Amino acid sequence: MSLIYLNGEFKPIEEASVNVMDRGFIFGDGVYEVIPVFNRKIFRFDEHIKRLETSLAKIYMNNPLSKNDWHSIFDKLIDCTQELDQSIYLQVTRGISERDHDVSIAGKPTIFVMSRPIRKNDFFSGIKAITHDDIRWQYCDIKAITLLPSVILRNKAKEMDAREAILIRDGFVTEGAASNIFIHINNKIFTPPKTSHVLSGITRDLLVEILLENKISLLEEPISENMLFNANEIWITSSTWEIVPIVKLNDKLIGSGKPGLIWKEVNNLYQEFKGTYCN
């Protein structure tokens, strides 16, 4: 029986519930994080907690727990799961109140955490993606629990026998429905700069660090739709998917239609970093 953490208690998930007047349920008023665990080691813990605090601050909330408290909760849930590689999901909502938009009337925040095995996938052989207008709101740098646009976009991709939707706003790439974007073109790697339309992805930021440390040419600059379709390679990054090559975009093969040599080099560097970090 899986344990979860809810408002100070560890309990079986079957026994967990929240009040129907919780603002997360009524308004989608909250934020979340997804944190990978490799070999039972929490990956980039500090960076995830910092992003959590940034998201909370942008919705006028403080971090309800200390870093040590978060770490202790994660450790217990990790110990309750047999698999070495896991995915921690945490969610903080503004808590219970009457149904009113005024944030000052909310009570204590609702804190929910669970850990689940990371499902193995064959994405490293490459996936198909589609392009779509970025239909989301203006504050995509907040990791908000209101994910209906991304749910719709992922389903549109599924309808086209694809795994991800790459989003276009005013002629330029922002990110994926649940990922960040890198392309290789003209012997350079590009990734969109962080703006209010681009979430500060932890894996994205780590990959930027790795590329710069290894003196691999990287530009954090806007990617036009034309650049995207003429790229030699396209990759997406996320905490649980890691670095995934896009081998087909809409009906167009990217490069040879197989994972490219630059992706293989970069992925090897990432896996080496992960292996050292989680050893």
Protein backbone atom coordinates (compact mmCIF):
# COMPACT_ATOMS: atom_id res chain seq x y z
CA MET A 1 0.00 0.00 0.00
CA SER A 2 1.49 3.34 -1.08
CA LEU A 3 1.96 6.10 1.47
CA ILE A 4 1.50 9.78 0.69
CA TYR A 5 2.03 12.91 2.78
CA LEU A 6 -0.92 15.20 3.38
CA ASN A 7 -0.91 18.14 5.79
CA GLY A 8 1.49 16.69 8.35
CA GLU A 9 0.44 13.05 8.10
CA PHE A 10 1.69 10.01 6.23
CA LYS A 11 -1.17 7.76 5.22
CA PRO A 12 -2.22 5.27 2.53
CA ILE A 13 -3.32 7.08 -0.60
CA GLU A 14 -6.69 5.31 -0.38
CA GLU A 15 -7.36 7.12 2.91
CA ALA A 16 -6.30 10.58 1.75
CA SER A 17 -8.80 13.31 0.87
CA VAL A 18 -9.07 17.09 0.74
CA ASN A 19 -11.93 19.42 1.54
CA VAL A 20 -14.11 20.29 -1.46
CA MET A 21 -13.69 23.95 -0.52
CA ASP A 22 -9.93 23.73 -0.97
CA ARG A 23 -8.92 26.53 -3.36
CA GLY A 24 -6.85 24.08 -5.37
CA PHE A 25 -10.06 22.18 -6.17
CA ILE A 26 -12.27 25.24 -6.62
CA PHE A 27 -9.87 27.64 -8.37
CA GLY A 28 -6.77 25.64 -9.32
CA ASP A 29 -5.10 28.01 -6.85
CA GLY A 30 -1.75 26.38 -6.22
CA VAL A 31 1.63 25.31 -7.57
CA TYR A 32 3.51 22.05 -7.92
CA GLU A 33 6.89 20.45 -8.55
CA VAL A 34 7.98 17.14 -10.06
CA ILE A 35 11.37 16.00 -8.76
CA PRO A 36 13.18 12.94 -10.11
CA VAL A 37 14.93 10.46 -7.83
CA PHE A 38 17.70 8.37 -9.37
CA ASN A 39 19.27 5.52 -7.45
CA ARG A 40 17.28 6.78 -4.41
CA LYS A 41 19.08 10.16 -4.60
CA ILE A 42 16.94 13.29 -4.97
CA PHE A 43 18.12 14.97 -8.18
CA ARG A 44 18.77 18.72 -7.99
CA PHE A 45 16.83 19.14 -4.74
CA ASP A 46 17.97 22.72 -4.10
CA GLU A 47 17.06 23.87 -7.59
CA HIS A 48 13.56 22.38 -7.37
CA ILE A 49 12.87 23.94 -3.97
CA LYS A 50 14.12 27.30 -5.23
CA ARG A 51 11.74 27.10 -8.20
CA LEU A 52 8.91 26.12 -5.85
CA GLU A 53 9.57 29.21 -3.76
CA THR A 54 9.66 31.37 -6.90
CA SER A 55 6.29 30.03 -8.05
CA LEU A 56 4.79 30.51 -4.58
CA ALA A 57 6.05 34.09 -4.37
CA LYS A 58 4.46 34.90 -7.72
CA ILE A 59 1.04 33.79 -6.42
CA TYR A 60 1.53 35.67 -3.12
CA MET A 61 2.43 32.69 -0.93
CA ASN A 62 5.41 31.73 1.21
CA ASN A 63 7.07 28.34 1.32
CA PRO A 64 5.15 26.57 4.13
CA LEU A 65 8.04 24.23 5.01
CA SER A 66 11.78 24.48 5.51
CA LYS A 67 14.21 22.73 3.17
CA ASN A 68 14.95 20.19 5.91
CA ASP A 69 11.23 19.49 6.34
CA TRP A 70 10.79 18.91 2.62
CA HIS A 71 13.83 16.65 2.51
CA SER A 72 12.58 14.57 5.44
CA ILE A 73 9.18 14.08 3.78
CA PHE A 74 10.80 13.07 0.50
CA ASP A 75 13.17 10.63 2.24
CA LYS A 76 10.34 8.80 3.99
CA LEU A 77 8.28 8.47 0.81
CA ILE A 78 11.33 7.30 -1.16
CA ASP A 79 11.98 4.62 1.47
CA CYS A 80 8.38 3.42 1.09
CA THR A 81 8.82 2.78 -2.63
CA GLN A 82 10.86 -0.20 -3.79
CA GLU A 83 12.12 1.14 -7.11
CA LEU A 84 15.47 2.94 -7.25
CA ASP A 85 14.22 5.56 -9.75
CA GLN A 86 11.19 7.54 -8.66
CA SER A 87 9.28 10.74 -9.31
CA ILE A 88 8.23 12.95 -6.40
CA TYR A 89 5.13 15.06 -6.95
CA LEU A 90 4.44 17.87 -4.50
CA GLN A 91 1.54 20.30 -4.55
CA VAL A 92 0.85 23.35 -2.42
CA THR A 93 -2.54 25.04 -2.62
CA ARG A 94 -3.74 28.13 -0.81
CA GLY A 95 -5.97 25.97 1.40
CA ILE A 96 -9.62 26.12 2.42
CA SER A 97 -11.82 29.21 2.22
CA GLU A 98 -15.21 30.30 1.07
CA ARG A 99 -15.46 30.62 -2.70
CA ASP A 100 -14.11 34.12 -3.14
CA HIS A 101 -11.23 35.41 -5.25
CA ASP A 102 -9.73 37.28 -2.28
CA VAL A 103 -6.51 35.43 -1.38
CA SER A 104 -6.39 36.91 2.13
CA ILE A 105 -9.32 34.83 3.39
CA ALA A 106 -7.61 31.47 2.84
CA GLY A 107 -6.59 29.36 5.81
CA LYS A 108 -3.51 27.18 6.06
CA PRO A 109 -2.05 25.88 2.78
CA THR A 110 -2.76 22.32 1.75
CA ILE A 111 0.45 20.32 1.26
CA PHE A 112 0.41 17.06 -0.66
CA VAL A 113 3.40 14.89 -1.62
CA MET A 114 3.68 11.46 -3.22
CA SER A 115 6.39 9.39 -4.88
CA ARG A 116 5.91 6.96 -7.73
CA PRO A 117 8.26 4.80 -9.81
CA ILE A 118 9.52 6.46 -12.98
CA ARG A 119 7.99 4.52 -15.83
CA LYS A 120 10.56 3.25 -18.31
CA ASN A 121 10.12 4.42 -21.89
CA ASP A 122 11.78 4.06 -25.26
CA PHE A 123 11.83 7.79 -25.95
CA PHE A 124 15.61 7.78 -26.46
CA SER A 125 14.96 6.20 -29.87
CA GLY A 126 13.15 9.40 -30.80
CA ILE A 127 9.54 10.58 -30.79
CA LYS A 128 7.16 12.49 -33.02
CA ALA A 129 5.92 15.96 -32.06
CA ILE A 130 3.44 18.40 -33.52
CA THR A 131 3.44 22.18 -33.56
CA HIS A 132 0.55 24.18 -32.18
CA ASP A 133 -0.31 27.74 -31.24
CA ASP A 134 0.61 28.45 -27.62
CA ILE A 135 -2.89 28.59 -26.13
CA ARG A 136 -1.75 28.96 -22.52
CA TRP A 137 -1.91 32.05 -20.29
CA GLN A 138 0.68 34.82 -19.85
CA TYR A 139 2.41 33.49 -16.70
CA CYS A 140 3.90 30.20 -17.87
CA ASP A 141 6.95 30.78 -15.66
CA ILE A 142 4.73 29.87 -12.68
CA LYS A 143 4.51 26.09 -12.23
CA ALA A 144 0.78 26.28 -11.59
CA ILE A 145 -1.56 23.32 -11.09
CA THR A 146 -3.99 24.74 -13.67
CA LEU A 147 -2.81 22.49 -16.50
CA LEU A 148 -5.91 22.14 -18.67
CA PRO A 149 -4.26 23.82 -21.72
CA SER A 150 -1.35 21.37 -21.54
CA VAL A 151 -3.77 18.45 -21.16
CA ILE A 152 -5.59 19.60 -24.31
CA LEU A 153 -2.32 20.08 -26.20
CA ARG A 154 -0.97 16.65 -25.25
CA ASN A 155 -4.26 15.09 -26.39
CA LYS A 156 -4.04 16.94 -29.72
CA ALA A 157 -0.55 15.46 -30.11
CA LYS A 158 -1.89 12.00 -29.28
CA GLU A 159 -4.57 12.37 -31.96
CA MET A 160 -1.72 12.91 -34.46
CA ASP A 161 0.14 9.82 -33.18
CA ALA A 162 2.69 12.10 -31.48
CA ARG A 163 3.98 12.42 -27.93
CA GLU A 164 4.47 16.17 -27.51
CA ALA A 165 3.28 19.53 -28.81
CA ILE A 166 5.85 22.24 -29.50
CA LEU A 167 4.24 25.62 -28.94
CA ILE A 168 4.49 28.69 -31.15
CA ARG A 169 3.66 32.22 -29.99
CA ASP A 170 3.89 35.16 -32.42
CA GLY A 171 6.05 33.13 -34.78
CA PHE A 172 8.55 31.92 -32.16
CA VAL A 173 8.96 28.72 -30.17
CA THR A 174 8.21 28.95 -26.47
CA GLU A 175 8.37 25.38 -25.09
CA GLY A 176 6.57 22.06 -25.23
CA ALA A 177 3.27 21.29 -23.56
CA ALA A 178 5.32 19.81 -20.70
CA SER A 179 8.94 20.28 -21.75
CA ASN A 180 11.64 22.72 -22.83
CA ILE A 181 13.10 22.89 -26.34
CA PHE A 182 16.60 22.77 -27.82
CA ILE A 183 17.53 22.74 -31.50
CA HIS A 184 20.79 22.22 -33.40
CA ILE A 185 21.15 24.30 -36.55
CA ASN A 186 24.13 25.86 -38.38
CA ASN A 187 26.57 24.10 -36.02
CA LYS A 188 25.03 25.82 -32.98
CA ILE A 189 22.59 24.80 -30.27
CA PHE A 190 19.71 27.16 -29.46
CA THR A 191 17.18 27.21 -26.65
CA PRO A 192 14.57 29.93 -26.07
CA PRO A 193 15.49 32.43 -23.35
CA LYS A 194 13.54 32.31 -20.10
CA THR A 195 10.59 34.70 -20.18
CA SER A 196 7.11 34.73 -18.69
CA HIS A 197 6.16 32.34 -21.51
CA VAL A 198 8.90 29.79 -20.71
CA LEU A 199 9.13 27.78 -17.52
CA SER A 200 12.57 27.63 -15.93
CA GLY A 201 13.01 23.89 -16.46
CA ILE A 202 15.45 22.26 -14.04
CA THR A 203 16.70 19.82 -16.69
CA ARG A 204 16.84 22.66 -19.21
CA ASP A 205 18.99 24.77 -16.89
CA LEU A 206 21.23 21.81 -16.07
CA LEU A 207 21.76 21.08 -19.75
CA VAL A 208 22.71 24.72 -20.32
CA GLU A 209 25.31 24.38 -17.53
CA ILE A 210 26.67 21.14 -18.99
CA LEU A 211 26.97 22.56 -22.51
CA LEU A 212 28.76 25.70 -21.33
CA GLU A 213 31.12 23.74 -19.07
CA ASN A 214 32.06 21.52 -22.01
CA LYS A 215 32.53 24.55 -24.30
CA ILE A 216 29.76 23.45 -26.65
CA SER A 217 28.29 26.40 -28.52
CA LEU A 218 24.93 27.36 -27.03
CA LEU A 219 22.78 30.43 -27.60
CA GLU A 220 19.81 31.30 -25.40
CA GLU A 221 18.02 33.17 -28.17
CA PRO A 222 14.56 33.15 -29.75
CA ILE A 223 13.88 30.25 -32.12
CA SER A 224 11.70 31.16 -35.08
CA GLU A 225 9.24 28.70 -36.55
CA ASN A 226 11.41 28.64 -39.68
CA MET A 227 14.51 27.71 -37.64
CA LEU A 228 12.55 24.94 -35.93
CA PHE A 229 11.53 23.29 -39.20
CA ASN A 230 15.03 23.64 -40.67
CA ALA A 231 16.86 22.32 -37.61
CA ASN A 232 19.23 19.38 -37.98
CA GLU A 233 18.18 18.13 -34.55
CA ILE A 234 15.44 18.95 -32.04
CA TRP A 235 15.37 17.80 -28.40
CA ILE A 236 12.96 18.28 -25.55
CA THR A 237 13.88 18.15 -21.88
CA SER A 238 11.97 17.42 -18.69
CA SER A 239 12.76 16.07 -15.25
CA THR A 240 11.34 12.59 -15.86
CA TRP A 241 11.84 12.30 -19.64
CA GLU A 242 15.38 13.77 -19.44
CA ILE A 243 16.64 14.63 -22.99
CA VAL A 244 14.47 13.23 -25.76
CA PRO A 245 15.17 13.61 -29.49
CA ILE A 246 12.35 14.66 -31.82
CA VAL A 247 12.75 12.68 -35.04
CA LYS A 248 9.53 13.77 -36.76
CA LEU A 249 7.75 17.12 -36.55
CA ASN A 250 4.24 17.14 -37.96
CA ASP A 251 4.85 15.21 -41.21
CA LYS A 252 8.51 16.21 -41.64
CA LEU A 253 11.48 14.06 -40.70
CA ILE A 254 14.07 15.88 -38.60
CA GLY A 255 17.54 15.16 -39.93
CA SER A 256 17.72 11.49 -40.89
CA GLY A 257 14.63 10.68 -38.86
CA LYS A 258 16.82 9.12 -36.16
CA PRO A 259 18.49 10.54 -33.03
CA GLY A 260 21.37 12.76 -34.12
CA LEU A 261 25.06 12.66 -33.29
CA ILE A 262 24.95 15.92 -31.32
CA TRP A 263 22.07 14.60 -29.19
CA LYS A 264 24.07 11.43 -28.49
CA GLU A 265 27.08 13.49 -27.38
CA VAL A 266 24.99 15.80 -25.19
CA ASN A 267 22.94 12.97 -23.71
CA ASN A 268 26.14 11.11 -22.81
CA LEU A 269 27.39 14.21 -20.96
CA TYR A 270 24.08 14.48 -19.12
CA GLN A 271 24.07 10.79 -18.18
CA GLU A 272 27.65 11.07 -16.92
CA PHE A 273 26.65 14.02 -14.73
CA LYS A 274 23.61 12.13 -13.43
CA GLY A 275 25.69 9.03 -12.70
CA THR A 276 28.23 11.02 -10.70
CA TYR A 277 25.54 13.01 -8.87
CA CYS A 278 23.53 9.93 -7.89
CA ASN A 279 26.37 7.53 -7.21
